[in-house]
Every structure is written in C-alpha cells, then in structure tokens.
C-alpha cells in the first residue's frame, strides 16, 4: 500500500507515541492497556483530524483551491484543526457549525475549540441541529464559487476516502511500533463518530493482514448505523487505493452503549473516565469523543470482556481543548 501515490502535505508530528498505561492497568486489574497518543499530532493542540488533513489539504492544493470549507458541531475538533491547517498553507477557511446540543452558556459557545477557530483566522456561520450538513456545505461552496473563489469542501470529520488515508497510514505506523516493541496487540480500541478514523484503521489493518481487530466505541449513532457507515467508508477507501473486496462486514465492530444522552453530552461514565485517566496517567481526554471511548474501554475491562493477559491499545483521538467548553460538567469548586 503505497500512500506516497496520493497528494499529501506534512502537518503532524509523527510517529505519535505508543505508551503503556501502568497505573490505569493496575487500577483496573485487567489486561495491559497501552495508549496511542494521537492527541500529540501537534497541529493546534493535536488530534486525530490532523492525519486526515495531511491528505485533504494536499488534495485541495493539487486542485488549485484558495480556500477550504468544512462543517461540524459547535465544539468541533475537526473544525479547529482544519482552520489551523488552512492557516499553515495560506488558505482561507470558512466553517459551518451545527448547534447539536442547544447549549447557550458562554463557555461552550465562545471558549475551547470555538476560540481557537477564530484565533486561526477562520470565519463561521451556524446552522440548527438535524439538517443535512454536507448538503448545506455544498450550498455554501456554490455561494463562494459564484463570488469567484475556488473552495475545497471537506465533509464532516474529514471522513471520506481521501481523509481516511491518514488512518491507513496510522495503521502502518502502529504495526511498525508494535514490532519494534515486541508487542502483540490483541485489540485496538478507539472512539468512532464520523467513521473516518475507524474506517482507515480497519482498511489499513485488514489489507496488511495484521490480525488486529478494531473495536469502535460509538459517540452518537446506533450500533448498526455506525458499523454500516464505517464499513462503507472502509470499502471506498480501499477502492480509492486500488484494492477491491478486501474488507468484510465482519471486520467492522462498534459498541454504542456509551453514547449517553447524545452527541456532545457527556454521560456520568464519560466524566468519571476523564477524571480517572487525568489523575492516574496525567493524560487529558475530551468530553465528546475520547472520554466516551475510554469510558467504554474501562467498563468492558470491568465486565471481563478482554482476556486478562491481553494487550489493549487505546487510540487517543485528542480534543482536550473542548474541556474548556464544559466546565460545569465537572463540578469542581472555584478557588476562594
């Protein structure tokens, strides 16, 4: 799988670390837990979208774009990283932000990712929840084309066959690190939402015949819908690479029991997982993606889902900036 055939720019600090989590492992008394630190990709505080944007921005420049457009929720990690990537390559950036939560407090609407969107020079407009945001994105792209611009629309999460190439590369990187460490990975666990990260990992690991299963912990959609979205994108990604009929439907597994009240709303288990990992390992998770993913992993360990002697790798998708949009959810006392 020669990813060098595809247009790409360099944005991420790679390879990201693969580290043991000894204190969390001891606390749970279960399998050995490792963490793949894609919160350390570097661009605007890091996160998983940076790998995708290396290929998306590369494609945008190859097509002669002078601006990028994308969409996401108000506290979108993808929007923040897209704004930063555009700034790095001198492209204008316009964001379409969906009000999925209805939150009106200042912390949510003006801090965290929103603050960084504007610091990177992006412009933005808002849409209500529940509409077809990718269709709205195309309408906005037409508006800019009519004004003489050359926009490059990026679907939500950068989750298309071009963006998913970033996680085919991550799969290759992870396998090389495991080989160097002499580590047999029994399961790779990650949060799954717009599907691009899990789809790219599945595509890369299955095509390489790695034998490493990927378990996605869903953050918004029901299980069947999430798995179907991931499978279809994995198929399209492999087709984009010239590989057909490689991935099977059985290669895609998602557990969507930890979504809680809905997308963008952390469940009690999410908050507990964020606090536990911060206190035991000094690592910050986020309340929308990685916190829910870790909550699922912790609960599954407690339920005996994984064999005691197994090695579990948790892929950290980043997003800790969003913590500053959710201060009320943690219930800490203020300094006197």
C-alpha atoms as a PDB file:
ATOM      1  CA  UNK A   1       0.000   0.000   0.000  1.00  0.00           C
ATOM      2  CA  UNK A   2       1.996   2.958  -1.297  1.00  0.00           C
ATOM      3  CA  UNK A   3       0.364   6.018   0.214  1.00  0.00           C
ATOM      4  CA  UNK A   4       3.057   8.130  -1.446  1.00  0.00           C
ATOM      5  CA  UNK A   5       0.951   7.963  -4.631  1.00  0.00           C
ATOM      6  CA  UNK A   6      -1.521  10.446  -3.123  1.00  0.00           C
ATOM      7  CA  UNK A   7      -1.073  14.216  -2.681  1.00  0.00           C
ATOM      8  CA  UNK A   8      -0.060  14.989   0.889  1.00  0.00           C
ATOM      9  CA  UNK A   9       1.285  17.848   2.995  1.00  0.00           C
ATOM     10  CA  UNK A  10       3.116  17.479   6.289  1.00  0.00           C
ATOM     11  CA  UNK A  11       1.193  18.701   9.326  1.00  0.00           C
ATOM     12  CA  UNK A  12       1.532  16.075  12.043  1.00  0.00           C
ATOM     13  CA  UNK A  13       4.338  15.242  14.453  1.00  0.00           C
ATOM     14  CA  UNK A  14       4.798  11.588  13.550  1.00  0.00           C
ATOM     15  CA  UNK A  15       5.093   8.929  14.720  1.00  0.00           C
ATOM     16  CA  UNK A  16       2.907   9.659  17.715  1.00  0.00           C
ATOM     17  CA  UNK A  17       3.956   7.855  20.913  1.00  0.00           C
ATOM     18  CA  UNK A  18       2.732   4.380  21.816  1.00  0.00           C
ATOM     19  CA  UNK A  19       2.927   4.215  25.612  1.00  0.00           C
ATOM     20  CA  UNK A  20       1.911   1.815  28.392  1.00  0.00           C
ATOM     21  CA  UNK A  21      -0.663   2.958  30.960  1.00  0.00           C
ATOM     22  CA  UNK A  22       0.669   1.121  34.037  1.00  0.00           C
ATOM     23  CA  UNK A  23      -1.338   2.912  36.715  1.00  0.00           C
ATOM     24  CA  UNK A  24      -4.652   2.542  34.890  1.00  0.00           C
ATOM     25  CA  UNK A  25      -3.825  -1.107  34.193  1.00  0.00           C
ATOM     26  CA  UNK A  26      -3.085  -1.731  37.882  1.00  0.00           C
ATOM     27  CA  UNK A  27      -6.213   0.150  38.967  1.00  0.00           C
ATOM     28  CA  UNK A  28      -8.441  -1.984  36.762  1.00  0.00           C
ATOM     29  CA  UNK A  29      -6.582  -5.232  37.423  1.00  0.00           C
ATOM     30  CA  UNK A  30      -7.272  -6.296  33.886  1.00  0.00           C
ATOM     31  CA  UNK A  31      -5.357  -6.540  30.621  1.00  0.00           C
ATOM     32  CA  UNK A  32      -2.293  -4.433  29.816  1.00  0.00           C
ATOM     33  CA  UNK A  33      -3.550  -1.107  28.481  1.00  0.00           C
ATOM     34  CA  UNK A  34      -1.488   0.951  26.042  1.00  0.00           C
ATOM     35  CA  UNK A  35      -2.279   4.326  24.512  1.00  0.00           C
ATOM     36  CA  UNK A  36      -1.527   5.579  21.004  1.00  0.00           C
ATOM     37  CA  UNK A  37      -1.112   9.315  21.518  1.00  0.00           C
ATOM     38  CA  UNK A  38      -2.806  10.900  18.522  1.00  0.00           C
ATOM     39  CA  UNK A  39      -3.566  13.795  20.819  1.00  0.00           C
ATOM     40  CA  UNK A  40       0.131  14.581  20.178  1.00  0.00           C
ATOM     41  CA  UNK A  41      -0.072  15.202  16.427  1.00  0.00           C
ATOM     42  CA  UNK A  42       0.941  18.785  17.142  1.00  0.00           C
ATOM     43  CA  UNK A  43      -1.308  20.953  14.991  1.00  0.00           C
ATOM     44  CA  UNK A  44      -3.254  23.428  17.164  1.00  0.00           C
ATOM     45  CA  UNK A  45      -3.003  21.180  20.261  1.00  0.00           C
ATOM     46  CA  UNK A  46      -3.232  17.981  18.185  1.00  0.00           C
ATOM     47  CA  UNK A  47      -5.888  15.381  17.476  1.00  0.00           C
ATOM     48  CA  UNK A  48      -6.820  12.686  15.003  1.00  0.00           C
ATOM     49  CA  UNK A  49      -8.068  15.016  12.257  1.00  0.00           C
ATOM     50  CA  UNK A  50      -4.519  16.208  11.575  1.00  0.00           C
ATOM     51  CA  UNK A  51      -3.615  12.915   9.885  1.00  0.00           C
ATOM     52  CA  UNK A  52      -6.674  13.203   7.642  1.00  0.00           C
ATOM     53  CA  UNK A  53      -5.922  16.824   6.823  1.00  0.00           C
ATOM     54  CA  UNK A  54      -2.473  15.948   5.506  1.00  0.00           C
ATOM     55  CA  UNK A  55      -4.217  14.247   2.575  1.00  0.00           C
ATOM     56  CA  UNK A  56      -7.201  16.591   2.360  1.00  0.00           C
ATOM     57  CA  UNK A  57      -5.098  19.764   2.247  1.00  0.00           C
ATOM     58  CA  UNK A  58      -2.715  18.023  -0.150  1.00  0.00           C
ATOM     59  CA  UNK A  59      -5.666  17.270  -2.431  1.00  0.00           C
ATOM     60  CA  UNK A  60      -7.026  20.813  -2.070  1.00  0.00           C
ATOM     61  CA  UNK A  61      -3.700  22.335  -3.134  1.00  0.00           C
ATOM     62  CA  UNK A  62      -3.377  19.863  -6.024  1.00  0.00           C
ATOM     63  CA  UNK A  63      -6.793  21.065  -7.251  1.00  0.00           C
ATOM     64  CA  UNK A  64      -5.802  24.728  -7.028  1.00  0.00           C
ATOM     65  CA  UNK A  65      -8.145  25.654  -4.165  1.00  0.00           C
ATOM     66  CA  UNK A  66      -7.768  29.026  -2.487  1.00  0.00           C
ATOM     67  CA  UNK A  67      -9.982  28.188   0.488  1.00  0.00           C
ATOM     68  CA  UNK A  68     -11.336  25.228   2.431  1.00  0.00           C
ATOM     69  CA  UNK A  69     -14.817  24.773   3.828  1.00  0.00           C
ATOM     70  CA  UNK A  70     -15.931  22.245   6.379  1.00  0.00           C
ATOM     71  CA  UNK A  71     -18.700  21.524   8.847  1.00  0.00           C
ATOM     72  CA  UNK A  72     -19.057  20.141  12.356  1.00  0.00           C
ATOM     73  CA  UNK A  73     -20.649  20.706  15.731  1.00  0.00           C
ATOM     74  CA  UNK A  74     -20.088  23.945  17.666  1.00  0.00           C
ATOM     75  CA  UNK A  75     -17.161  22.455  19.618  1.00  0.00           C
ATOM     76  CA  UNK A  76     -15.761  20.610  16.611  1.00  0.00           C
ATOM     77  CA  UNK A  77     -12.188  19.348  16.943  1.00  0.00           C
ATOM     78  CA  UNK A  78     -12.165  18.862  13.179  1.00  0.00           C
ATOM     79  CA  UNK A  79     -13.118  22.485  12.535  1.00  0.00           C
ATOM     80  CA  UNK A  80     -10.301  23.717  14.786  1.00  0.00           C
ATOM     81  CA  UNK A  81      -7.660  21.555  13.110  1.00  0.00           C
ATOM     82  CA  UNK A  82      -8.952  22.457   9.640  1.00  0.00           C
ATOM     83  CA  UNK A  83      -8.676  26.159  10.471  1.00  0.00           C
ATOM     84  CA  UNK A  84      -5.103  25.643  11.670  1.00  0.00           C
ATOM     85  CA  UNK A  85      -4.122  23.579   8.615  1.00  0.00           C
ATOM     86  CA  UNK A  86      -5.584  26.206   6.285  1.00  0.00           C
ATOM     87  CA  UNK A  87      -3.666  28.948   8.086  1.00  0.00           C
ATOM     88  CA  UNK A  88      -0.414  26.991   7.719  1.00  0.00           C
ATOM     89  CA  UNK A  89      -0.821  26.789   3.943  1.00  0.00           C
ATOM     90  CA  UNK A  90      -2.243  30.257   3.320  1.00  0.00           C
ATOM     91  CA  UNK A  91      -5.766  29.099   2.533  1.00  0.00           C
ATOM     92  CA  UNK A  92      -8.888  30.887   3.708  1.00  0.00           C
ATOM     93  CA  UNK A  93     -11.141  28.785   5.946  1.00  0.00           C
ATOM     94  CA  UNK A  94     -14.891  29.016   6.418  1.00  0.00           C
ATOM     95  CA  UNK A  95     -16.742  26.843   8.919  1.00  0.00           C
ATOM     96  CA  UNK A  96     -20.351  25.717   9.098  1.00  0.00           C
ATOM     97  CA  UNK A  97     -21.114  24.914  12.740  1.00  0.00           C
ATOM     98  CA  UNK A  98     -24.161  22.875  13.725  1.00  0.00           C
ATOM     99  CA  UNK A  99     -25.876  23.623  17.048  1.00  0.00           C
ATOM    100  CA  UNK A 100     -26.304  19.960  18.035  1.00  0.00           C
ATOM    101  CA  UNK A 101     -26.581  20.490  21.795  1.00  0.00           C
ATOM    102  CA  UNK A 102     -28.606  23.679  22.232  1.00  0.00           C
ATOM    103  CA  UNK A 103     -26.122  24.825  24.891  1.00  0.00           C
ATOM    104  CA  UNK A 104     -26.206  28.586  25.376  1.00  0.00           C
ATOM    105  CA  UNK A 105     -23.575  29.167  28.073  1.00  0.00           C
ATOM    106  CA  UNK A 106     -20.602  31.350  27.177  1.00  0.00           C
ATOM    107  CA  UNK A 107     -18.019  28.659  27.919  1.00  0.00           C
ATOM    108  CA  UNK A 108     -19.496  26.352  25.271  1.00  0.00           C
ATOM    109  CA  UNK A 109     -20.165  28.969  22.625  1.00  0.00           C
ATOM    110  CA  UNK A 110     -17.040  31.122  22.970  1.00  0.00           C
ATOM    111  CA  UNK A 111     -14.291  29.021  24.563  1.00  0.00           C
ATOM    112  CA  UNK A 112     -12.458  25.797  23.698  1.00  0.00           C
ATOM    113  CA  UNK A 113     -12.462  24.938  20.006  1.00  0.00           C
ATOM    114  CA  UNK A 114     -14.575  27.968  19.086  1.00  0.00           C
ATOM    115  CA  UNK A 115     -11.960  30.339  20.465  1.00  0.00           C
ATOM    116  CA  UNK A 116      -9.206  28.587  18.515  1.00  0.00           C
ATOM    117  CA  UNK A 117     -11.242  28.559  15.290  1.00  0.00           C
ATOM    118  CA  UNK A 118     -11.204  32.326  15.298  1.00  0.00           C
ATOM    119  CA  UNK A 119      -7.618  32.631  16.504  1.00  0.00           C
ATOM    120  CA  UNK A 120      -6.604  30.719  13.378  1.00  0.00           C
ATOM    121  CA  UNK A 121      -8.455  33.263  11.245  1.00  0.00           C
ATOM    122  CA  UNK A 122     -11.480  31.200  10.232  1.00  0.00           C
ATOM    123  CA  UNK A 123     -14.891  32.676   9.553  1.00  0.00           C
ATOM    124  CA  UNK A 124     -18.027  30.808  10.552  1.00  0.00           C
ATOM    125  CA  UNK A 125     -21.783  30.615  10.317  1.00  0.00           C
ATOM    126  CA  UNK A 126     -24.230  28.470  12.287  1.00  0.00           C
ATOM    127  CA  UNK A 127     -26.955  26.020  11.387  1.00  0.00           C
ATOM    128  CA  UNK A 128     -29.649  24.389  13.564  1.00  0.00           C
ATOM    129  CA  UNK A 129     -29.454  20.740  14.517  1.00  0.00           C
ATOM    130  CA  UNK A 130     -30.901  17.974  12.419  1.00  0.00           C
ATOM    131  CA  UNK A 131     -30.318  19.185   8.868  1.00  0.00           C
ATOM    132  CA  UNK A 132     -28.110  17.646   6.169  1.00  0.00           C
ATOM    133  CA  UNK A 133     -24.889  19.484   6.940  1.00  0.00           C
ATOM    134  CA  UNK A 134     -22.941  18.149   3.966  1.00  0.00           C
ATOM    135  CA  UNK A 135     -25.724  19.386   1.665  1.00  0.00           C
ATOM    136  CA  UNK A 136     -25.543  22.763   3.400  1.00  0.00           C
ATOM    137  CA  UNK A 137     -21.790  22.716   2.894  1.00  0.00           C
ATOM    138  CA  UNK A 138     -22.229  22.299  -0.851  1.00  0.00           C
ATOM    139  CA  UNK A 139     -24.675  25.241  -0.929  1.00  0.00           C
ATOM    140  CA  UNK A 140     -22.104  27.428   0.796  1.00  0.00           C
ATOM    141  CA  UNK A 141     -19.418  26.208  -1.619  1.00  0.00           C
ATOM    142  CA  UNK A 142     -21.626  27.278  -4.542  1.00  0.00           C
ATOM    143  CA  UNK A 143     -22.001  30.698  -2.958  1.00  0.00           C
ATOM    144  CA  UNK A 144     -18.241  31.124  -2.792  1.00  0.00           C
ATOM    145  CA  UNK A 145     -17.789  29.826  -6.357  1.00  0.00           C
ATOM    146  CA  UNK A 146     -20.294  32.416  -7.570  1.00  0.00           C
ATOM    147  CA  UNK A 147     -18.145  35.056  -5.879  1.00  0.00           C
ATOM    148  CA  UNK A 148     -15.073  33.886  -7.803  1.00  0.00           C
ATOM    149  CA  UNK A 149     -13.414  31.756  -5.127  1.00  0.00           C
ATOM    150  CA  UNK A 150     -12.068  28.213  -5.502  1.00  0.00           C
ATOM    151  CA  UNK A 151     -13.363  26.402  -2.416  1.00  0.00           C
ATOM    152  CA  UNK A 152     -12.481  22.851  -1.422  1.00  0.00           C
ATOM    153  CA  UNK A 153     -15.352  21.405   0.660  1.00  0.00           C
ATOM    154  CA  UNK A 154     -14.370  18.867   3.330  1.00  0.00           C
ATOM    155  CA  UNK A 155     -17.129  16.654   4.719  1.00  0.00           C
ATOM    156  CA  UNK A 156     -17.675  16.482   8.461  1.00  0.00           C
ATOM    157  CA  UNK A 157     -14.757  14.952  10.323  1.00  0.00           C
ATOM    158  CA  UNK A 158     -12.745  14.771   7.105  1.00  0.00           C
ATOM    159  CA  UNK A 159     -14.320  11.343   6.815  1.00  0.00           C
ATOM    160  CA  UNK A 160     -14.130  10.489   3.140  1.00  0.00           C
ATOM    161  CA  UNK A 161     -11.756   8.176   1.226  1.00  0.00           C
ATOM    162  CA  UNK A 162      -9.120  10.910   0.925  1.00  0.00           C
ATOM    163  CA  UNK A 163      -9.154  11.776   4.627  1.00  0.00           C
ATOM    164  CA  UNK A 164      -9.292   8.139   5.733  1.00  0.00           C
ATOM    165  CA  UNK A 165      -5.908   7.582   4.081  1.00  0.00           C
ATOM    166  CA  UNK A 166      -4.463   9.271   7.155  1.00  0.00           C
ATOM    167  CA  UNK A 167      -5.575   6.343   9.291  1.00  0.00           C
ATOM    168  CA  UNK A 168      -4.421   3.750   6.807  1.00  0.00           C
ATOM    169  CA  UNK A 169      -1.035   5.367   7.450  1.00  0.00           C
ATOM    170  CA  UNK A 170      -1.653   5.305  11.194  1.00  0.00           C
ATOM    171  CA  UNK A 171      -2.332   1.561  10.997  1.00  0.00           C
ATOM    172  CA  UNK A 172       1.010   1.054   9.261  1.00  0.00           C
ATOM    173  CA  UNK A 173       2.727   3.225  11.866  1.00  0.00           C
ATOM    174  CA  UNK A 174       1.155   1.313  14.758  1.00  0.00           C
ATOM    175  CA  UNK A 175       2.199  -2.060  13.336  1.00  0.00           C
ATOM    176  CA  UNK A 176       5.790  -0.855  12.960  1.00  0.00           C
ATOM    177  CA  UNK A 177       5.830   0.420  16.560  1.00  0.00           C
ATOM    178  CA  UNK A 178       4.401  -2.831  17.893  1.00  0.00           C
ATOM    179  CA  UNK A 179       7.071  -4.781  16.019  1.00  0.00           C
ATOM    180  CA  UNK A 180       9.808  -2.561  17.455  1.00  0.00           C
ATOM    181  CA  UNK A 181       8.450  -3.063  20.987  1.00  0.00           C
ATOM    182  CA  UNK A 182       7.833  -6.787  20.566  1.00  0.00           C
ATOM    183  CA  UNK A 183       4.183  -6.078  21.393  1.00  0.00           C
ATOM    184  CA  UNK A 184       1.341  -8.322  20.272  1.00  0.00           C
ATOM    185  CA  UNK A 185      -1.771  -6.148  20.048  1.00  0.00           C
ATOM    186  CA  UNK A 186      -4.916  -8.139  20.809  1.00  0.00           C
ATOM    187  CA  UNK A 187      -7.444  -5.324  20.293  1.00  0.00           C
ATOM    188  CA  UNK A 188      -7.288  -1.698  19.146  1.00  0.00           C
ATOM    189  CA  UNK A 189      -9.992   0.475  20.734  1.00  0.00           C
ATOM    190  CA  UNK A 190     -10.970   3.980  19.666  1.00  0.00           C
ATOM    191  CA  UNK A 191     -13.908   6.364  19.748  1.00  0.00           C
ATOM    192  CA  UNK A 192     -15.887   6.335  16.496  1.00  0.00           C
ATOM    193  CA  UNK A 193     -18.155   9.079  15.226  1.00  0.00           C
ATOM    194  CA  UNK A 194     -17.961  10.343  11.632  1.00  0.00           C
ATOM    195  CA  UNK A 195     -16.360   6.961  10.785  1.00  0.00           C
ATOM    196  CA  UNK A 196     -13.118   8.080   9.094  1.00  0.00           C
ATOM    197  CA  UNK A 197     -10.713   7.089  11.846  1.00  0.00           C
ATOM    198  CA  UNK A 198     -12.112   3.601  12.376  1.00  0.00           C
ATOM    199  CA  UNK A 199     -12.597   3.049   8.635  1.00  0.00           C
ATOM    200  CA  UNK A 200      -8.998   3.979   7.877  1.00  0.00           C
ATOM    201  CA  UNK A 201      -7.681   1.763  10.664  1.00  0.00           C
ATOM    202  CA  UNK A 202      -9.799  -1.192   9.543  1.00  0.00           C
ATOM    203  CA  UNK A 203      -8.751  -0.688   5.925  1.00  0.00           C
ATOM    204  CA  UNK A 204      -5.071  -0.498   6.806  1.00  0.00           C
ATOM    205  CA  UNK A 205      -5.022  -3.368   9.278  1.00  0.00           C
ATOM    206  CA  UNK A 206      -7.141  -5.733   7.197  1.00  0.00           C
ATOM    207  CA  UNK A 207      -5.231  -5.020   3.985  1.00  0.00           C
ATOM    208  CA  UNK A 208      -1.993  -5.773   5.823  1.00  0.00           C
ATOM    209  CA  UNK A 209      -3.495  -8.994   7.253  1.00  0.00           C
ATOM    210  CA  UNK A 210      -2.378  -7.828  10.679  1.00  0.00           C
ATOM    211  CA  UNK A 211      -4.874  -9.880  12.675  1.00  0.00           C
ATOM    212  CA  UNK A 212      -5.533  -6.827  14.886  1.00  0.00           C
ATOM    213  CA  UNK A 213      -9.272  -6.252  15.423  1.00  0.00           C
ATOM    214  CA  UNK A 214     -10.583  -2.702  15.841  1.00  0.00           C
ATOM    215  CA  UNK A 215     -13.339  -2.002  18.355  1.00  0.00           C
ATOM    216  CA  UNK A 216     -15.026   1.354  17.893  1.00  0.00           C
ATOM    217  CA  UNK A 217     -16.805   2.921  20.852  1.00  0.00           C
ATOM    218  CA  UNK A 218     -19.639   4.929  19.350  1.00  0.00           C
ATOM    219  CA  UNK A 219     -20.237   8.544  20.347  1.00  0.00           C
ATOM    220  CA  UNK A 220     -23.503   9.267  18.558  1.00  0.00           C
ATOM    221  CA  UNK A 221     -25.146   6.721  16.199  1.00  0.00           C
ATOM    222  CA  UNK A 222     -26.810   3.370  16.984  1.00  0.00           C
ATOM    223  CA  UNK A 223     -24.650   0.272  16.502  1.00  0.00           C
ATOM    224  CA  UNK A 224     -25.970  -0.942  13.140  1.00  0.00           C
ATOM    225  CA  UNK A 225     -25.833   2.516  11.558  1.00  0.00           C
ATOM    226  CA  UNK A 226     -22.351   3.189  12.916  1.00  0.00           C
ATOM    227  CA  UNK A 227     -20.988  -0.124  11.700  1.00  0.00           C
ATOM    228  CA  UNK A 228     -22.572   0.335   8.270  1.00  0.00           C
ATOM    229  CA  UNK A 229     -21.053   3.821   7.949  1.00  0.00           C
ATOM    230  CA  UNK A 230     -17.601   2.537   8.888  1.00  0.00           C
ATOM    231  CA  UNK A 231     -17.828  -0.482   6.570  1.00  0.00           C
ATOM    232  CA  UNK A 232     -18.934   1.568   3.559  1.00  0.00           C
ATOM    233  CA  UNK A 233     -16.154   4.086   4.081  1.00  0.00           C
ATOM    234  CA  UNK A 234     -13.535   1.363   4.570  1.00  0.00           C
ATOM    235  CA  UNK A 235     -14.662  -0.183   1.259  1.00  0.00           C
ATOM    236  CA  UNK A 236     -14.494   3.177  -0.522  1.00  0.00           C
ATOM    237  CA  UNK A 237     -11.086   3.948   0.975  1.00  0.00           C
ATOM    238  CA  UNK A 238      -9.631   0.647  -0.219  1.00  0.00           C
ATOM    239  CA  UNK A 239     -11.209   1.170  -3.653  1.00  0.00           C
ATOM    240  CA  UNK A 240      -9.576   4.621  -3.758  1.00  0.00           C
ATOM    241  CA  UNK A 241      -6.285   2.816  -3.132  1.00  0.00           C
ATOM    242  CA  UNK A 242      -6.964   0.301  -5.894  1.00  0.00           C
ATOM    243  CA  UNK A 243      -7.815  -2.562  -3.540  1.00  0.00           C
ATOM    244  CA  UNK A 244     -11.213  -4.163  -4.009  1.00  0.00           C
ATOM    245  CA  UNK A 245     -13.066  -6.807  -1.973  1.00  0.00           C
ATOM    246  CA  UNK A 246     -10.550  -6.752   0.878  1.00  0.00           C
ATOM    247  CA  UNK A 247     -12.642  -5.786   3.891  1.00  0.00           C
ATOM    248  CA  UNK A 248     -15.612  -7.826   5.128  1.00  0.00           C
ATOM    249  CA  UNK A 249     -18.630  -6.595   7.069  1.00  0.00           C
ATOM    250  CA  UNK A 250     -17.494  -8.768   9.990  1.00  0.00           C
ATOM    251  CA  UNK A 251     -14.252  -6.751  10.207  1.00  0.00           C
ATOM    252  CA  UNK A 252     -16.214  -3.754  11.495  1.00  0.00           C
ATOM    253  CA  UNK A 253     -17.369  -3.800  15.121  1.00  0.00           C
ATOM    254  CA  UNK A 254     -18.763  -0.917  17.163  1.00  0.00           C
ATOM    255  CA  UNK A 255     -20.133  -0.819  20.691  1.00  0.00           C
ATOM    256  CA  UNK A 256     -22.586   2.053  21.019  1.00  0.00           C
ATOM    257  CA  UNK A 257     -23.674   1.513  24.627  1.00  0.00           C
ATOM    258  CA  UNK A 258     -21.746   4.538  25.944  1.00  0.00           C
ATOM    259  CA  UNK A 259     -23.260   7.382  23.902  1.00  0.00           C
ATOM    260  CA  UNK A 260     -25.189   8.622  26.949  1.00  0.00           C
ATOM    261  CA  UNK A 261     -27.751  11.407  26.399  1.00  0.00           C
ATOM    262  CA  UNK A 262     -26.470  12.021  22.862  1.00  0.00           C
ATOM    263  CA  UNK A 263     -23.705  13.564  20.806  1.00  0.00           C
ATOM    264  CA  UNK A 264     -21.910  16.338  22.657  1.00  0.00           C
ATOM    265  CA  UNK A 265     -23.431  15.386  26.018  1.00  0.00           C
ATOM    266  CA  UNK A 266     -21.004  13.564  28.325  1.00  0.00           C
ATOM    267  CA  UNK A 267     -22.521  10.739  30.348  1.00  0.00           C
ATOM    268  CA  UNK A 268     -21.544  10.254  34.016  1.00  0.00           C
ATOM    269  CA  UNK A 269     -19.207   7.466  32.896  1.00  0.00           C
ATOM    270  CA  UNK A 270     -17.531   9.865  30.468  1.00  0.00           C
ATOM    271  CA  UNK A 271     -16.751  12.363  33.230  1.00  0.00           C
ATOM    272  CA  UNK A 272     -15.534   9.597  35.542  1.00  0.00           C
ATOM    273  CA  UNK A 273     -13.219   8.228  32.833  1.00  0.00           C
ATOM    274  CA  UNK A 274     -11.762  11.673  32.097  1.00  0.00           C
ATOM    275  CA  UNK A 275     -11.069  12.270  35.796  1.00  0.00           C
ATOM    276  CA  UNK A 276      -9.590   8.805  36.332  1.00  0.00           C
ATOM    277  CA  UNK A 277      -7.153   8.990  33.418  1.00  0.00           C
ATOM    278  CA  UNK A 278      -6.143  12.545  34.336  1.00  0.00           C
ATOM    279  CA  UNK A 279      -5.461  11.527  37.942  1.00  0.00           C
ATOM    280  CA  UNK A 280      -3.700   8.223  37.221  1.00  0.00           C
ATOM    281  CA  UNK A 281      -1.821   8.917  33.988  1.00  0.00           C
ATOM    282  CA  UNK A 282      -1.661  12.700  33.610  1.00  0.00           C
ATOM    283  CA  UNK A 283      -3.435  12.445  30.243  1.00  0.00           C
ATOM    284  CA  UNK A 284      -6.355  14.648  29.215  1.00  0.00           C
ATOM    285  CA  UNK A 285      -9.285  13.143  27.330  1.00  0.00           C
ATOM    286  CA  UNK A 286     -12.223  15.063  25.885  1.00  0.00           C
ATOM    287  CA  UNK A 287     -15.944  15.026  26.762  1.00  0.00           C
ATOM    288  CA  UNK A 288     -17.256  14.194  23.280  1.00  0.00           C
ATOM    289  CA  UNK A 289     -15.012  11.505  21.778  1.00  0.00           C
ATOM    290  CA  UNK A 290     -12.011  10.127  23.674  1.00  0.00           C
ATOM    291  CA  UNK A 291     -13.747  10.390  27.060  1.00  0.00           C
ATOM    292  CA  UNK A 292     -16.632   8.238  25.828  1.00  0.00           C
ATOM    293  CA  UNK A 293     -14.204   5.851  24.172  1.00  0.00           C
ATOM    294  CA  UNK A 294     -12.258   5.415  27.400  1.00  0.00           C
ATOM    295  CA  UNK A 295     -15.459   5.057  29.419  1.00  0.00           C
ATOM    296  CA  UNK A 296     -16.397   2.148  27.169  1.00  0.00           C
ATOM    297  CA  UNK A 297     -12.969   0.562  27.459  1.00  0.00           C
ATOM    298  CA  UNK A 298     -12.951   0.831  31.262  1.00  0.00           C
ATOM    299  CA  UNK A 299     -16.432  -0.655  31.607  1.00  0.00           C
ATOM    300  CA  UNK A 300     -15.623  -3.511  29.230  1.00  0.00           C
ATOM    301  CA  UNK A 301     -12.492  -4.331  31.245  1.00  0.00           C
ATOM    302  CA  UNK A 302     -14.567  -4.409  34.419  1.00  0.00           C
ATOM    303  CA  UNK A 303     -17.069  -6.718  32.738  1.00  0.00           C
ATOM    304  CA  UNK A 304     -14.334  -9.167  31.752  1.00  0.00           C
ATOM    305  CA  UNK A 305     -14.754  -8.549  28.023  1.00  0.00           C
ATOM    306  CA  UNK A 306     -10.981  -8.734  27.435  1.00  0.00           C
ATOM    307  CA  UNK A 307      -8.729 -11.615  28.476  1.00  0.00           C
ATOM    308  CA  UNK A 308      -6.579 -10.744  31.491  1.00  0.00           C
ATOM    309  CA  UNK A 309      -3.322 -11.466  29.657  1.00  0.00           C
ATOM    310  CA  UNK A 310      -4.198  -9.453  26.537  1.00  0.00           C
ATOM    311  CA  UNK A 311      -2.700  -6.196  25.280  1.00  0.00           C
ATOM    312  CA  UNK A 312      -5.242  -3.479  24.509  1.00  0.00           C
ATOM    313  CA  UNK A 313      -4.242  -0.312  22.655  1.00  0.00           C
ATOM    314  CA  UNK A 314      -6.471   2.740  23.062  1.00  0.00           C
ATOM    315  CA  UNK A 315      -6.103   5.253  20.234  1.00  0.00           C
ATOM    316  CA  UNK A 316      -6.462   8.734  21.761  1.00  0.00           C
ATOM    317  CA  UNK A 317      -8.199  10.947  19.211  1.00  0.00           C
ATOM    318  CA  UNK A 318      -7.372  14.179  21.067  1.00  0.00           C
ATOM    319  CA  UNK A 319      -9.816  17.004  21.696  1.00  0.00           C
ATOM    320  CA  UNK A 320      -8.857  18.108  25.213  1.00  0.00           C
ATOM    321  CA  UNK A 321      -9.384  21.738  24.131  1.00  0.00           C
ATOM    322  CA  UNK A 322     -13.117  21.001  24.302  1.00  0.00           C
ATOM    323  CA  UNK A 323     -12.829  20.552  28.077  1.00  0.00           C
ATOM    324  CA  UNK A 324     -12.866  24.333  28.372  1.00  0.00           C
ATOM    325  CA  UNK A 325     -16.339  24.352  26.837  1.00  0.00           C
ATOM    326  CA  UNK A 326     -17.706  22.017  29.544  1.00  0.00           C
ATOM    327  CA  UNK A 327     -16.578  23.374  32.939  1.00  0.00           C
ATOM    328  CA  UNK A 328     -19.988  22.922  34.563  1.00  0.00           C
ATOM    329  CA  UNK A 329     -19.951  19.171  33.894  1.00  0.00           C
ATOM    330  CA  UNK A 330     -17.028  18.538  36.249  1.00  0.00           C
ATOM    331  CA  UNK A 331     -18.374  20.150  39.404  1.00  0.00           C
ATOM    332  CA  UNK A 332     -15.056  21.399  40.771  1.00  0.00           C
ATOM    333  CA  UNK A 333     -15.063  24.149  43.380  1.00  0.00           C
ATOM    334  CA  UNK A 334     -13.590  27.523  42.425  1.00  0.00           C
ATOM    335  CA  UNK A 335     -10.569  28.931  44.214  1.00  0.00           C
ATOM    336  CA  UNK A 336     -11.592  31.101  47.118  1.00  0.00           C
END
